[in-house]
């Protein structure tokens, strides 16, 4: 029974380690996405306004 419990503990530790790694990857991806969003906002703020042809048709 000890061997079974040890194996179960090892598997649980491995699962937790994988989850932590995935969480770190997600945090990194979220941070990169936020940076890109901010860069896009800055570009849009600097860009000259463009008239929308569809808006003029109404």
N, C-alpha and C. Protein backbone atom coordinates (compact mmCIF):
# COMPACT_ATOMS: atom_id res chain seq x y z
N UNK A 1 0.82 -1.20 0.00
CA UNK A 1 0.00 0.00 0.00
C UNK A 1 0.87 1.26 0.00
N UNK A 2 2.01 1.23 0.67
CA UNK A 2 2.89 2.39 0.70
C UNK A 2 3.35 2.77 -0.70
N UNK A 3 3.69 1.78 -1.49
CA UNK A 3 4.15 2.03 -2.85
C UNK A 3 3.06 2.73 -3.67
N UNK A 4 1.83 2.30 -3.50
CA UNK A 4 0.70 2.91 -4.20
C UNK A 4 0.52 4.36 -3.76
N UNK A 5 0.61 4.60 -2.46
CA UNK A 5 0.46 5.97 -1.94
C UNK A 5 1.60 6.86 -2.42
N UNK A 6 2.80 6.32 -2.43
CA UNK A 6 3.95 7.10 -2.89
C UNK A 6 3.79 7.47 -4.37
N UNK A 7 3.35 6.51 -5.16
CA UNK A 7 3.13 6.76 -6.58
C UNK A 7 2.05 7.82 -6.78
N UNK A 8 0.98 7.72 -5.99
CA UNK A 8 -0.11 8.70 -6.09
C UNK A 8 0.39 10.09 -5.72
N UNK A 9 1.22 10.17 -4.66
CA UNK A 9 1.79 11.46 -4.25
C UNK A 9 2.68 12.04 -5.35
N UNK A 10 3.51 11.19 -5.94
CA UNK A 10 4.39 11.64 -7.01
C UNK A 10 3.60 12.15 -8.22
N UNK A 11 2.53 11.43 -8.55
CA UNK A 11 1.68 11.86 -9.66
C UNK A 11 1.00 13.19 -9.35
N UNK A 12 0.57 13.35 -8.11
CA UNK A 12 -0.07 14.61 -7.71
C UNK A 12 0.93 15.76 -7.78
N UNK A 13 2.15 15.53 -7.31
CA UNK A 13 3.18 16.57 -7.37
C UNK A 13 3.47 16.96 -8.82
N UNK A 14 3.54 15.96 -9.69
CA UNK A 14 3.79 16.22 -11.10
C UNK A 14 2.65 17.04 -11.72
N UNK A 15 1.43 16.68 -11.36
CA UNK A 15 0.28 17.41 -11.87
C UNK A 15 0.30 18.87 -11.41
N UNK A 16 0.63 19.08 -10.15
CA UNK A 16 0.71 20.45 -9.62
C UNK A 16 1.80 21.23 -10.34
N UNK A 17 2.93 20.59 -10.58
CA UNK A 17 4.03 21.25 -11.28
C UNK A 17 3.61 21.65 -12.69
N UNK A 18 2.88 20.79 -13.39
CA UNK A 18 2.41 21.10 -14.74
C UNK A 18 1.42 22.26 -14.70
N UNK A 19 0.55 22.27 -13.71
CA UNK A 19 -0.43 23.35 -13.59
C UNK A 19 0.28 24.68 -13.32
N UNK A 20 1.30 24.65 -12.46
CA UNK A 20 2.05 25.88 -12.18
C UNK A 20 2.74 26.39 -13.43
N UNK A 21 3.31 25.50 -14.22
CA UNK A 21 3.97 25.88 -15.46
C UNK A 21 2.96 26.49 -16.44
N UNK A 22 1.82 25.84 -16.58
CA UNK A 22 0.78 26.36 -17.46
C UNK A 22 0.30 27.73 -16.99
N UNK A 23 0.16 27.91 -15.69
CA UNK A 23 -0.27 29.20 -15.16
C UNK A 23 0.76 30.27 -15.48
N UNK A 24 2.03 29.96 -15.36
CA UNK A 24 3.08 30.92 -15.67
C UNK A 24 3.06 31.27 -17.15
N UNK A 25 2.87 30.28 -18.01
CA UNK A 25 2.77 30.55 -19.45
C UNK A 25 1.57 31.44 -19.76
N UNK A 26 0.46 31.18 -19.10
CA UNK A 26 -0.73 32.01 -19.30
C UNK A 26 -0.49 33.45 -18.83
N UNK A 27 0.15 33.60 -17.66
CA UNK A 27 0.46 34.95 -17.17
C UNK A 27 1.34 35.70 -18.16
N UNK A 28 2.31 35.00 -18.72
CA UNK A 28 3.20 35.60 -19.71
C UNK A 28 2.43 36.01 -20.96
N UNK A 29 1.58 35.14 -21.44
CA UNK A 29 0.79 35.44 -22.63
C UNK A 29 -0.15 36.62 -22.38
N UNK A 30 -0.74 36.68 -21.21
CA UNK A 30 -1.63 37.79 -20.86
C UNK A 30 -0.84 39.10 -20.82
N UNK A 31 0.34 39.08 -20.23
CA UNK A 31 1.17 40.28 -20.16
C UNK A 31 1.54 40.76 -21.56
N UNK A 32 1.92 39.84 -22.45
CA UNK A 32 2.25 40.21 -23.83
C UNK A 32 1.03 40.79 -24.54
N UNK A 33 -0.12 40.20 -24.33
CA UNK A 33 -1.35 40.68 -24.96
C UNK A 33 -1.68 42.08 -24.46
N UNK A 34 -1.53 42.32 -23.17
CA UNK A 34 -1.79 43.66 -22.63
C UNK A 34 -0.84 44.68 -23.24
N UNK A 35 0.43 44.30 -23.41
CA UNK A 35 1.40 45.22 -24.03
C UNK A 35 0.98 45.54 -25.46
N UNK A 36 0.56 44.53 -26.20
CA UNK A 36 0.13 44.77 -27.59
C UNK A 36 -1.10 45.65 -27.65
N UNK A 37 -2.02 45.43 -26.73
CA UNK A 37 -3.23 46.27 -26.68
C UNK A 37 -2.83 47.72 -26.41
N UNK A 38 -1.94 47.93 -25.47
CA UNK A 38 -1.49 49.29 -25.15
C UNK A 38 -0.79 49.93 -26.35
N UNK A 39 0.06 49.17 -27.03
CA UNK A 39 0.72 49.69 -28.23
C UNK A 39 -0.31 50.07 -29.30
N UNK A 40 -1.31 49.23 -29.47
CA UNK A 40 -2.36 49.53 -30.46
C UNK A 40 -3.13 50.78 -30.07
N UNK A 41 -3.43 50.94 -28.80
CA UNK A 41 -4.13 52.15 -28.34
C UNK A 41 -3.31 53.39 -28.63
N UNK A 42 -2.01 53.31 -28.37
CA UNK A 42 -1.14 54.46 -28.62
C UNK A 42 -1.09 54.78 -30.11
N UNK A 43 -0.99 53.75 -30.95
CA UNK A 43 -1.00 53.98 -32.40
C UNK A 43 -2.31 54.61 -32.85
N UNK A 44 -3.40 54.13 -32.33
CA UNK A 44 -4.71 54.68 -32.70
C UNK A 44 -4.84 56.13 -32.24
N UNK A 45 -4.30 56.45 -31.07
CA UNK A 45 -4.38 57.81 -30.55
C UNK A 45 -3.57 58.77 -31.43
N UNK A 46 -2.46 58.28 -31.99
CA UNK A 46 -1.62 59.13 -32.83
C UNK A 46 -2.11 59.21 -34.28
N UNK A 47 -2.87 58.22 -34.70
CA UNK A 47 -3.32 58.16 -36.09
C UNK A 47 -4.33 59.26 -36.37
N UNK A 48 -4.32 59.75 -37.60
CA UNK A 48 -5.31 60.76 -37.97
C UNK A 48 -6.66 60.07 -38.15
N UNK A 49 -7.70 60.76 -37.78
CA UNK A 49 -9.03 60.15 -37.92
C UNK A 49 -9.34 59.87 -39.39
N UNK A 50 -9.96 58.76 -39.65
CA UNK A 50 -10.33 58.37 -41.01
C UNK A 50 -11.83 58.41 -41.11
N UNK A 51 -12.32 59.04 -42.15
CA UNK A 51 -13.77 59.08 -42.34
C UNK A 51 -14.25 57.72 -42.83
N UNK A 52 -15.34 57.29 -42.32
CA UNK A 52 -15.91 56.01 -42.69
C UNK A 52 -16.89 56.23 -43.83
N UNK A 53 -16.64 55.66 -45.01
CA UNK A 53 -17.54 55.89 -46.15
C UNK A 53 -18.96 55.41 -45.87
N UNK A 54 -19.10 54.37 -45.08
CA UNK A 54 -20.45 53.87 -44.78
C UNK A 54 -21.24 54.86 -43.94
N UNK A 55 -20.55 55.57 -43.07
CA UNK A 55 -21.23 56.54 -42.20
C UNK A 55 -21.75 57.71 -43.03
N UNK A 56 -21.04 58.06 -44.10
CA UNK A 56 -21.47 59.18 -44.94
C UNK A 56 -22.66 58.80 -45.81
N UNK A 57 -22.84 57.54 -46.07
CA UNK A 57 -23.93 57.08 -46.94
C UNK A 57 -25.29 57.22 -46.27
N UNK A 58 -25.32 57.31 -44.96
CA UNK A 58 -26.61 57.39 -44.26
C UNK A 58 -27.17 58.76 -44.27
